[in-house]
Amino acid sequence: MALTLGLTASSAWACSLKDQRQQVSVLAQFSAAPMRLPQEVSLRTGDLLSVLVLRRARLRVVDANDQPSDAVAALDAARYQHLSRHNGAKAPAEISAGTYPAHLEWRHFGAGLPGAAYLMLTVDKEQALLRVQVDPRPPAPRGQDWVWSDARQSDPVALTPFDTLTLNLPGTPGDGWQVAMAGRPVAVASISAQAQATDAPARVLLQLNAADLWAGERADTFTVRHAGGAVYRFTVRPLAVAAC
């Protein structure tokens, strides 16, 4: 009988977002089927890997030269529980709710630096090898750029603190623009807007950080004043941010 490693079908994601931490479960089992060595699993930095094995099993994580690897690290139960529940995630049901004979136990690992590692499992004289490829995690987009104009003053703009807001208004960068939220001055940068026609009136782009405009859990209105006396009012509606 050959010792094989079978990946389960379930994975758990923090906040149910595809760019969040993945949790993969592997079941070590004896099988009459021929082995394909090494078996493989792909993870990204920060993902979790759990392997159900006999308690007497020995597991080692090494690189291609049989040296300790920085790509995958062993985790104790407390550290795994902390990471598996981080930011509202849940451990796979087979780990959190599964019941197994006393001679079996879960061993946990975390994906570290990008690279390849080999998880070597030995039970008595049987061995199995799992190649773990760890890829970099792409940066998660934390904000969006929104463009609003004087024609949309009646339309609330929904913002998270990570967003940026650009206001397209009549005027030029040197017109002494002042922005205030609830009486509090807000920093503003200004550049000339590209003219749509050669004889079109000048327009300016005022660039604001949404964090300076965000009113917490309630909608609020900020004002934009032109040195010539024009006043524009825009309403910010706070947009919930995922915990992760």
C-alpha atoms as a PDB file:
ATOM      1  CA  MET A   1       0.000   0.000   0.000  1.00  0.00           C
ATOM      2  CA  ALA A   2       1.306   3.469  -0.896  1.00  0.00           C
ATOM      3  CA  LEU A   3       0.997   6.539   1.273  1.00  0.00           C
ATOM      4  CA  THR A   4      -0.669   9.383  -0.631  1.00  0.00           C
ATOM      5  CA  LEU A   5      -1.702  12.939   0.122  1.00  0.00           C
ATOM      6  CA  GLY A   6      -5.156  13.949  -1.050  1.00  0.00           C
ATOM      7  CA  LEU A   7      -6.293  17.572  -1.136  1.00  0.00           C
ATOM      8  CA  THR A   8      -9.804  18.232   0.099  1.00  0.00           C
ATOM      9  CA  ALA A   9     -12.212  20.243  -2.010  1.00  0.00           C
ATOM     10  CA  SER A  10     -12.972  22.898   0.587  1.00  0.00           C
ATOM     11  CA  SER A  11     -11.115  26.101   1.278  1.00  0.00           C
ATOM     12  CA  ALA A  12     -12.007  28.980   3.592  1.00  0.00           C
ATOM     13  CA  TRP A  13     -11.455  32.614   2.702  1.00  0.00           C
ATOM     14  CA  ALA A  14     -11.309  35.623   4.968  1.00  0.00           C
ATOM     15  CA  CYS A  15     -14.208  37.942   4.129  1.00  0.00           C
ATOM     16  CA  SER A  16     -15.065  35.688   1.167  1.00  0.00           C
ATOM     17  CA  LEU A  17     -12.701  37.663  -1.060  1.00  0.00           C
ATOM     18  CA  LYS A  18     -10.574  35.894  -3.605  1.00  0.00           C
ATOM     19  CA  ASP A  19      -7.488  37.881  -2.668  1.00  0.00           C
ATOM     20  CA  GLN A  20      -7.610  36.907   1.006  1.00  0.00           C
ATOM     21  CA  ARG A  21      -6.006  34.051   2.913  1.00  0.00           C
ATOM     22  CA  GLN A  22      -6.764  30.560   1.624  1.00  0.00           C
ATOM     23  CA  GLN A  23      -6.858  27.545   3.931  1.00  0.00           C
ATOM     24  CA  VAL A  24      -6.135  24.193   2.308  1.00  0.00           C
ATOM     25  CA  SER A  25      -6.604  20.797   3.936  1.00  0.00           C
ATOM     26  CA  VAL A  26      -4.703  17.641   2.990  1.00  0.00           C
ATOM     27  CA  LEU A  27      -5.590  14.091   4.038  1.00  0.00           C
ATOM     28  CA  ALA A  28      -2.771  11.578   4.305  1.00  0.00           C
ATOM     29  CA  GLN A  29      -4.078   8.138   3.445  1.00  0.00           C
ATOM     30  CA  PHE A  30      -2.955   4.707   2.323  1.00  0.00           C
ATOM     31  CA  SER A  31      -3.991   3.775  -1.189  1.00  0.00           C
ATOM     32  CA  ALA A  32      -3.415   0.972  -3.643  1.00  0.00           C
ATOM     33  CA  ALA A  33      -3.160   3.493  -6.465  1.00  0.00           C
ATOM     34  CA  PRO A  34       0.320   4.252  -7.796  1.00  0.00           C
ATOM     35  CA  MET A  35       1.842   7.452  -6.466  1.00  0.00           C
ATOM     36  CA  ARG A  36       2.721  10.463  -8.580  1.00  0.00           C
ATOM     37  CA  LEU A  37       5.648  12.045  -6.800  1.00  0.00           C
ATOM     38  CA  PRO A  38       5.876  14.734  -5.885  1.00  0.00           C
ATOM     39  CA  GLN A  39       2.253  15.705  -5.488  1.00  0.00           C
ATOM     40  CA  GLU A  40       1.755  19.456  -5.665  1.00  0.00           C
ATOM     41  CA  VAL A  41      -0.244  22.292  -4.144  1.00  0.00           C
ATOM     42  CA  SER A  42      -0.043  25.999  -4.939  1.00  0.00           C
ATOM     43  CA  LEU A  43      -0.354  28.624  -2.216  1.00  0.00           C
ATOM     44  CA  ARG A  44       0.200  32.332  -1.875  1.00  0.00           C
ATOM     45  CA  THR A  45       2.066  34.121   0.875  1.00  0.00           C
ATOM     46  CA  GLY A  46      -0.067  34.049   4.022  1.00  0.00           C
ATOM     47  CA  ASP A  47      -2.113  30.972   3.080  1.00  0.00           C
ATOM     48  CA  LEU A  48      -2.531  28.100   5.531  1.00  0.00           C
ATOM     49  CA  LEU A  49      -2.008  24.393   4.900  1.00  0.00           C
ATOM     50  CA  SER A  50      -3.269  21.644   7.214  1.00  0.00           C
ATOM     51  CA  VAL A  51      -2.407  17.946   6.956  1.00  0.00           C
ATOM     52  CA  LEU A  52      -4.309  15.156   8.733  1.00  0.00           C
ATOM     53  CA  VAL A  53      -1.826  12.434   9.675  1.00  0.00           C
ATOM     54  CA  LEU A  54      -1.211   9.610  12.095  1.00  0.00           C
ATOM     55  CA  ARG A  55       0.104  10.932  15.390  1.00  0.00           C
ATOM     56  CA  ARG A  56       3.292   8.924  14.960  1.00  0.00           C
ATOM     57  CA  ALA A  57       3.957  10.442  11.545  1.00  0.00           C
ATOM     58  CA  ARG A  58       7.035  12.566  11.007  1.00  0.00           C
ATOM     59  CA  LEU A  59       6.842  15.670   8.837  1.00  0.00           C
ATOM     60  CA  ARG A  60       9.734  17.749   7.565  1.00  0.00           C
ATOM     61  CA  VAL A  61       9.743  20.878   5.436  1.00  0.00           C
ATOM     62  CA  VAL A  62      12.814  21.275   3.227  1.00  0.00           C
ATOM     63  CA  ASP A  63      13.881  22.986   0.026  1.00  0.00           C
ATOM     64  CA  ALA A  64      15.112  21.275  -3.136  1.00  0.00           C
ATOM     65  CA  ASN A  65      18.534  20.769  -1.520  1.00  0.00           C
ATOM     66  CA  ASP A  66      17.092  19.063   1.560  1.00  0.00           C
ATOM     67  CA  GLN A  67      17.754  22.184   3.635  1.00  0.00           C
ATOM     68  CA  PRO A  68      15.304  24.104   5.845  1.00  0.00           C
ATOM     69  CA  SER A  69      12.919  26.182   3.739  1.00  0.00           C
ATOM     70  CA  ASP A  70      11.647  29.732   4.287  1.00  0.00           C
ATOM     71  CA  ALA A  71       8.708  29.143   1.958  1.00  0.00           C
ATOM     72  CA  VAL A  72       6.671  27.054   4.425  1.00  0.00           C
ATOM     73  CA  ALA A  73       6.765  27.136   8.222  1.00  0.00           C
ATOM     74  CA  ALA A  74       5.238  24.773  10.779  1.00  0.00           C
ATOM     75  CA  LEU A  75       2.607  26.321  13.063  1.00  0.00           C
ATOM     76  CA  ASP A  76       1.563  25.193  16.515  1.00  0.00           C
ATOM     77  CA  ALA A  77      -2.150  24.786  17.238  1.00  0.00           C
ATOM     78  CA  ALA A  78      -2.512  28.149  18.996  1.00  0.00           C
ATOM     79  CA  ARG A  79      -0.858  30.082  16.174  1.00  0.00           C
ATOM     80  CA  TYR A  80      -2.948  28.262  13.573  1.00  0.00           C
ATOM     81  CA  GLN A  81      -6.185  29.000  15.413  1.00  0.00           C
ATOM     82  CA  HIS A  82      -5.274  32.681  15.604  1.00  0.00           C
ATOM     83  CA  LEU A  83      -4.436  32.936  11.911  1.00  0.00           C
ATOM     84  CA  SER A  84      -7.364  30.822  10.732  1.00  0.00           C
ATOM     85  CA  ARG A  85      -9.836  33.145  12.450  1.00  0.00           C
ATOM     86  CA  HIS A  86      -8.109  36.399  11.499  1.00  0.00           C
ATOM     87  CA  ASN A  87     -10.360  39.092  10.019  1.00  0.00           C
ATOM     88  CA  GLY A  88     -13.513  37.004  10.188  1.00  0.00           C
ATOM     89  CA  ALA A  89     -12.193  33.927   8.417  1.00  0.00           C
ATOM     90  CA  LYS A  90     -13.205  30.416   9.431  1.00  0.00           C
ATOM     91  CA  ALA A  91     -11.199  27.227   9.442  1.00  0.00           C
ATOM     92  CA  PRO A  92     -12.418  24.568   6.994  1.00  0.00           C
ATOM     93  CA  ALA A  93     -15.274  22.529   8.413  1.00  0.00           C
ATOM     94  CA  GLU A  94     -13.228  19.327   8.370  1.00  0.00           C
ATOM     95  CA  ILE A  95     -10.840  20.976  10.837  1.00  0.00           C
ATOM     96  CA  SER A  96     -13.176  23.043  13.000  1.00  0.00           C
ATOM     97  CA  ALA A  97     -16.045  20.562  13.228  1.00  0.00           C
ATOM     98  CA  GLY A  98     -14.609  17.238  12.104  1.00  0.00           C
ATOM     99  CA  THR A  99     -14.215  14.352  14.550  1.00  0.00           C
ATOM    100  CA  TYR A 100     -11.422  11.863  13.996  1.00  0.00           C
ATOM    101  CA  PRO A 101     -10.021   8.813  15.788  1.00  0.00           C
ATOM    102  CA  ALA A 102      -7.544   9.536  18.561  1.00  0.00           C
ATOM    103  CA  HIS A 103      -4.636   8.188  16.512  1.00  0.00           C
ATOM    104  CA  LEU A 104      -5.013  11.026  13.973  1.00  0.00           C
ATOM    105  CA  GLU A 105      -4.129  14.688  14.320  1.00  0.00           C
ATOM    106  CA  TRP A 106      -3.874  17.850  12.249  1.00  0.00           C
ATOM    107  CA  ARG A 107      -0.488  19.406  11.543  1.00  0.00           C
ATOM    108  CA  HIS A 108      -0.524  23.015  10.373  1.00  0.00           C
ATOM    109  CA  PHE A 109       1.759  25.088   8.159  1.00  0.00           C
ATOM    110  CA  GLY A 110       1.871  28.648   6.886  1.00  0.00           C
ATOM    111  CA  ALA A 111       3.081  29.888   3.504  1.00  0.00           C
ATOM    112  CA  GLY A 112       5.947  32.316   4.031  1.00  0.00           C
ATOM    113  CA  LEU A 113       8.381  33.676   1.481  1.00  0.00           C
ATOM    114  CA  PRO A 114       7.787  33.005  -2.243  1.00  0.00           C
ATOM    115  CA  GLY A 115       9.482  29.857  -3.471  1.00  0.00           C
ATOM    116  CA  ALA A 116       9.140  26.085  -3.427  1.00  0.00           C
ATOM    117  CA  ALA A 117       9.229  23.752  -0.444  1.00  0.00           C
ATOM    118  CA  TYR A 118       8.752  20.020   0.020  1.00  0.00           C
ATOM    119  CA  LEU A 119       6.673  18.567   2.812  1.00  0.00           C
ATOM    120  CA  MET A 120       8.088  15.086   3.528  1.00  0.00           C
ATOM    121  CA  LEU A 121       5.749  12.765   5.406  1.00  0.00           C
ATOM    122  CA  THR A 122       7.020   9.516   6.841  1.00  0.00           C
ATOM    123  CA  VAL A 123       4.870   6.848   8.487  1.00  0.00           C
ATOM    124  CA  ASP A 124       6.835   3.757   9.432  1.00  0.00           C
ATOM    125  CA  LYS A 125       8.531   2.767   6.141  1.00  0.00           C
ATOM    126  CA  GLU A 126       6.103   4.611   3.890  1.00  0.00           C
ATOM    127  CA  GLN A 127       6.812   8.093   2.573  1.00  0.00           C
ATOM    128  CA  ALA A 128       4.896  10.768   0.696  1.00  0.00           C
ATOM    129  CA  LEU A 129       6.151  14.016  -0.741  1.00  0.00           C
ATOM    130  CA  LEU A 130       4.135  17.180  -1.295  1.00  0.00           C
ATOM    131  CA  ARG A 131       5.647  20.010  -3.295  1.00  0.00           C
ATOM    132  CA  VAL A 132       4.337  23.365  -2.106  1.00  0.00           C
ATOM    133  CA  GLN A 133       4.721  26.285  -4.489  1.00  0.00           C
ATOM    134  CA  VAL A 134       4.349  29.631  -2.733  1.00  0.00           C
ATOM    135  CA  ASP A 135       3.682  32.618  -4.972  1.00  0.00           C
ATOM    136  CA  PRO A 136       3.675  36.293  -3.982  1.00  0.00           C
ATOM    137  CA  ARG A 137       0.321  37.703  -2.994  1.00  0.00           C
ATOM    138  CA  PRO A 138      -0.693  40.476  -5.383  1.00  0.00           C
ATOM    139  CA  PRO A 139      -1.311  43.790  -3.663  1.00  0.00           C
ATOM    140  CA  ALA A 140      -4.971  44.153  -2.782  1.00  0.00           C
ATOM    141  CA  PRO A 141      -6.545  47.359  -4.103  1.00  0.00           C
ATOM    142  CA  ARG A 142      -7.434  49.458  -1.082  1.00  0.00           C
ATOM    143  CA  GLY A 143      -9.084  52.410  -2.751  1.00  0.00           C
ATOM    144  CA  GLN A 144     -10.556  53.884  -5.891  1.00  0.00           C
ATOM    145  CA  ASP A 145     -10.257  57.204  -7.667  1.00  0.00           C
ATOM    146  CA  TRP A 146     -13.567  59.054  -8.051  1.00  0.00           C
ATOM    147  CA  VAL A 147     -14.177  62.061 -10.299  1.00  0.00           C
ATOM    148  CA  TRP A 148     -17.064  64.445  -9.505  1.00  0.00           C
ATOM    149  CA  SER A 149     -18.042  67.769 -11.041  1.00  0.00           C
ATOM    150  CA  ASP A 150     -20.084  70.850 -10.173  1.00  0.00           C
ATOM    151  CA  ALA A 151     -22.978  69.329 -12.127  1.00  0.00           C
ATOM    152  CA  ARG A 152     -23.200  66.502  -9.583  1.00  0.00           C
ATOM    153  CA  GLN A 153     -23.461  68.491  -6.368  1.00  0.00           C
ATOM    154  CA  SER A 154     -26.837  66.901  -5.640  1.00  0.00           C
ATOM    155  CA  ASP A 155     -25.423  63.354  -5.987  1.00  0.00           C
ATOM    156  CA  PRO A 156     -23.814  61.973  -2.810  1.00  0.00           C
ATOM    157  CA  VAL A 157     -20.458  60.337  -3.413  1.00  0.00           C
ATOM    158  CA  ALA A 158     -19.806  57.095  -1.489  1.00  0.00           C
ATOM    159  CA  LEU A 159     -16.208  56.914  -0.243  1.00  0.00           C
ATOM    160  CA  THR A 160     -14.031  54.700   1.887  1.00  0.00           C
ATOM    161  CA  PRO A 161     -11.123  56.274   3.776  1.00  0.00           C
ATOM    162  CA  PHE A 162      -8.762  54.740   1.179  1.00  0.00           C
ATOM    163  CA  ASP A 163     -10.339  56.478  -1.820  1.00  0.00           C
ATOM    164  CA  THR A 164      -9.346  59.693  -3.564  1.00  0.00           C
ATOM    165  CA  LEU A 165     -11.771  62.256  -4.906  1.00  0.00           C
ATOM    166  CA  THR A 166     -11.103  64.611  -7.826  1.00  0.00           C
ATOM    167  CA  LEU A 167     -13.439  67.554  -8.359  1.00  0.00           C
ATOM    168  CA  ASN A 168     -13.697  69.000 -11.863  1.00  0.00           C
ATOM    169  CA  LEU A 169     -14.777  72.640 -11.418  1.00  0.00           C
ATOM    170  CA  PRO A 170     -14.706  75.926 -13.336  1.00  0.00           C
ATOM    171  CA  GLY A 171     -11.553  77.900 -12.660  1.00  0.00           C
ATOM    172  CA  THR A 172      -7.780  77.605 -12.516  1.00  0.00           C
ATOM    173  CA  PRO A 173      -5.298  76.216  -9.968  1.00  0.00           C
ATOM    174  CA  GLY A 174      -4.384  79.744  -8.783  1.00  0.00           C
ATOM    175  CA  ASP A 175      -7.898  80.779  -7.830  1.00  0.00           C
ATOM    176  CA  GLY A 176      -7.393  80.429  -4.066  1.00  0.00           C
ATOM    177  CA  TRP A 177      -9.428  77.269  -3.509  1.00  0.00           C
ATOM    178  CA  GLN A 178     -10.475  76.390   0.025  1.00  0.00           C
ATOM    179  CA  VAL A 179     -12.090  73.120   1.098  1.00  0.00           C
ATOM    180  CA  ALA A 180     -13.695  72.497   4.492  1.00  0.00           C
ATOM    181  CA  MET A 181     -15.542  69.583   6.083  1.00  0.00           C
ATOM    182  CA  ALA A 182     -17.730  70.555   9.060  1.00  0.00           C
ATOM    183  CA  GLY A 183     -15.709  73.738   9.479  1.00  0.00           C
ATOM    184  CA  ARG A 184     -12.387  71.885   9.370  1.00  0.00           C
ATOM    185  CA  PRO A 185      -9.901  72.840   6.610  1.00  0.00           C
ATOM    186  CA  VAL A 186      -9.075  70.022   4.179  1.00  0.00           C
ATOM    187  CA  ALA A 187      -5.838  69.805   2.222  1.00  0.00           C
ATOM    188  CA  VAL A 188      -6.295  70.155  -1.519  1.00  0.00           C
ATOM    189  CA  ALA A 189      -4.032  69.893  -4.572  1.00  0.00           C
ATOM    190  CA  SER A 190      -4.990  71.536  -7.850  1.00  0.00           C
ATOM    191  CA  ILE A 191      -4.009  71.084 -11.489  1.00  0.00           C
ATOM    192  CA  SER A 192      -5.450  72.408 -14.726  1.00  0.00           C
ATOM    193  CA  ALA A 193      -8.012  70.191 -16.416  1.00  0.00           C
ATOM    194  CA  GLN A 194      -7.457  69.317 -20.044  1.00  0.00           C
ATOM    195  CA  ALA A 195      -9.588  71.583 -22.212  1.00  0.00           C
ATOM    196  CA  GLN A 196     -12.246  69.850 -24.289  1.00  0.00           C
ATOM    197  CA  ALA A 197     -12.089  72.623 -26.896  1.00  0.00           C
ATOM    198  CA  THR A 198      -9.769  75.523 -27.636  1.00  0.00           C
ATOM    199  CA  ASP A 199     -12.400  78.108 -26.651  1.00  0.00           C
ATOM    200  CA  ALA A 200     -13.758  76.187 -23.632  1.00  0.00           C
ATOM    201  CA  PRO A 201     -13.751  77.975 -20.255  1.00  0.00           C
ATOM    202  CA  ALA A 202     -10.868  76.992 -17.976  1.00  0.00           C
ATOM    203  CA  ARG A 203     -11.494  74.192 -15.533  1.00  0.00           C
ATOM    204  CA  VAL A 204      -9.483  72.882 -12.632  1.00  0.00           C
ATOM    205  CA  LEU A 205      -9.046  69.474 -10.999  1.00  0.00           C
ATOM    206  CA  LEU A 206      -9.041  69.563  -7.209  1.00  0.00           C
ATOM    207  CA  GLN A 207      -7.578  66.409  -5.711  1.00  0.00           C
ATOM    208  CA  LEU A 208      -8.637  65.338  -2.200  1.00  0.00           C
ATOM    209  CA  ASN A 209      -7.875  62.389   0.048  1.00  0.00           C
ATOM    210  CA  ALA A 210     -11.107  60.729   1.114  1.00  0.00           C
ATOM    211  CA  ALA A 211      -9.694  60.145   4.597  1.00  0.00           C
ATOM    212  CA  ASP A 212      -9.855  63.927   5.122  1.00  0.00           C
ATOM    213  CA  LEU A 213     -13.507  63.968   4.063  1.00  0.00           C
ATOM    214  CA  TRP A 214     -14.760  60.762   5.651  1.00  0.00           C
ATOM    215  CA  ALA A 215     -17.396  61.471   8.284  1.00  0.00           C
ATOM    216  CA  GLY A 216     -17.368  58.078  10.008  1.00  0.00           C
ATOM    217  CA  GLU A 217     -20.771  56.413   9.960  1.00  0.00           C
ATOM    218  CA  ARG A 218     -22.912  59.330   8.805  1.00  0.00           C
ATOM    219  CA  ALA A 219     -23.201  61.341   5.617  1.00  0.00           C
ATOM    220  CA  ASP A 220     -21.878  64.886   5.755  1.00  0.00           C
ATOM    221  CA  THR A 221     -21.395  67.818   3.413  1.00  0.00           C
ATOM    222  CA  PHE A 222     -18.160  69.613   2.634  1.00  0.00           C
ATOM    223  CA  THR A 223     -17.781  72.975   0.918  1.00  0.00           C
ATOM    224  CA  VAL A 224     -15.423  74.140  -1.804  1.00  0.00           C
ATOM    225  CA  ARG A 225     -14.909  77.897  -2.049  1.00  0.00           C
ATOM    226  CA  HIS A 226     -13.483  79.860  -4.952  1.00  0.00           C
ATOM    227  CA  ALA A 227     -11.691  83.116  -4.154  1.00  0.00           C
ATOM    228  CA  GLY A 228     -14.106  84.862  -6.508  1.00  0.00           C
ATOM    229  CA  GLY A 229     -17.054  83.915  -4.291  1.00  0.00           C
ATOM    230  CA  ALA A 230     -18.419  80.726  -5.873  1.00  0.00           C
ATOM    231  CA  VAL A 231     -19.301  78.004  -3.373  1.00  0.00           C
ATOM    232  CA  TYR A 232     -19.821  74.317  -4.180  1.00  0.00           C
ATOM    233  CA  ARG A 233     -21.259  71.737  -1.802  1.00  0.00           C
ATOM    234  CA  PHE A 234     -20.777  67.983  -2.026  1.00  0.00           C
ATOM    235  CA  THR A 235     -22.119  65.242   0.220  1.00  0.00           C
ATOM    236  CA  VAL A 236     -19.950  62.307   1.277  1.00  0.00           C
ATOM    237  CA  ARG A 237     -21.639  59.044   2.164  1.00  0.00           C
ATOM    238  CA  PRO A 238     -19.357  56.693   4.165  1.00  0.00           C
ATOM    239  CA  LEU A 239     -18.850  53.327   2.522  1.00  0.00           C
ATOM    240  CA  ALA A 240     -18.231  50.319   4.757  1.00  0.00           C
ATOM    241  CA  VAL A 241     -14.742  48.853   4.622  1.00  0.00           C
ATOM    242  CA  ALA A 242     -14.150  45.088   4.846  1.00  0.00           C
ATOM    243  CA  ALA A 243     -12.312  44.153   8.040  1.00  0.00           C
ATOM    244  CA  CYS A 244      -9.578  42.487   6.015  1.00  0.00           C
END
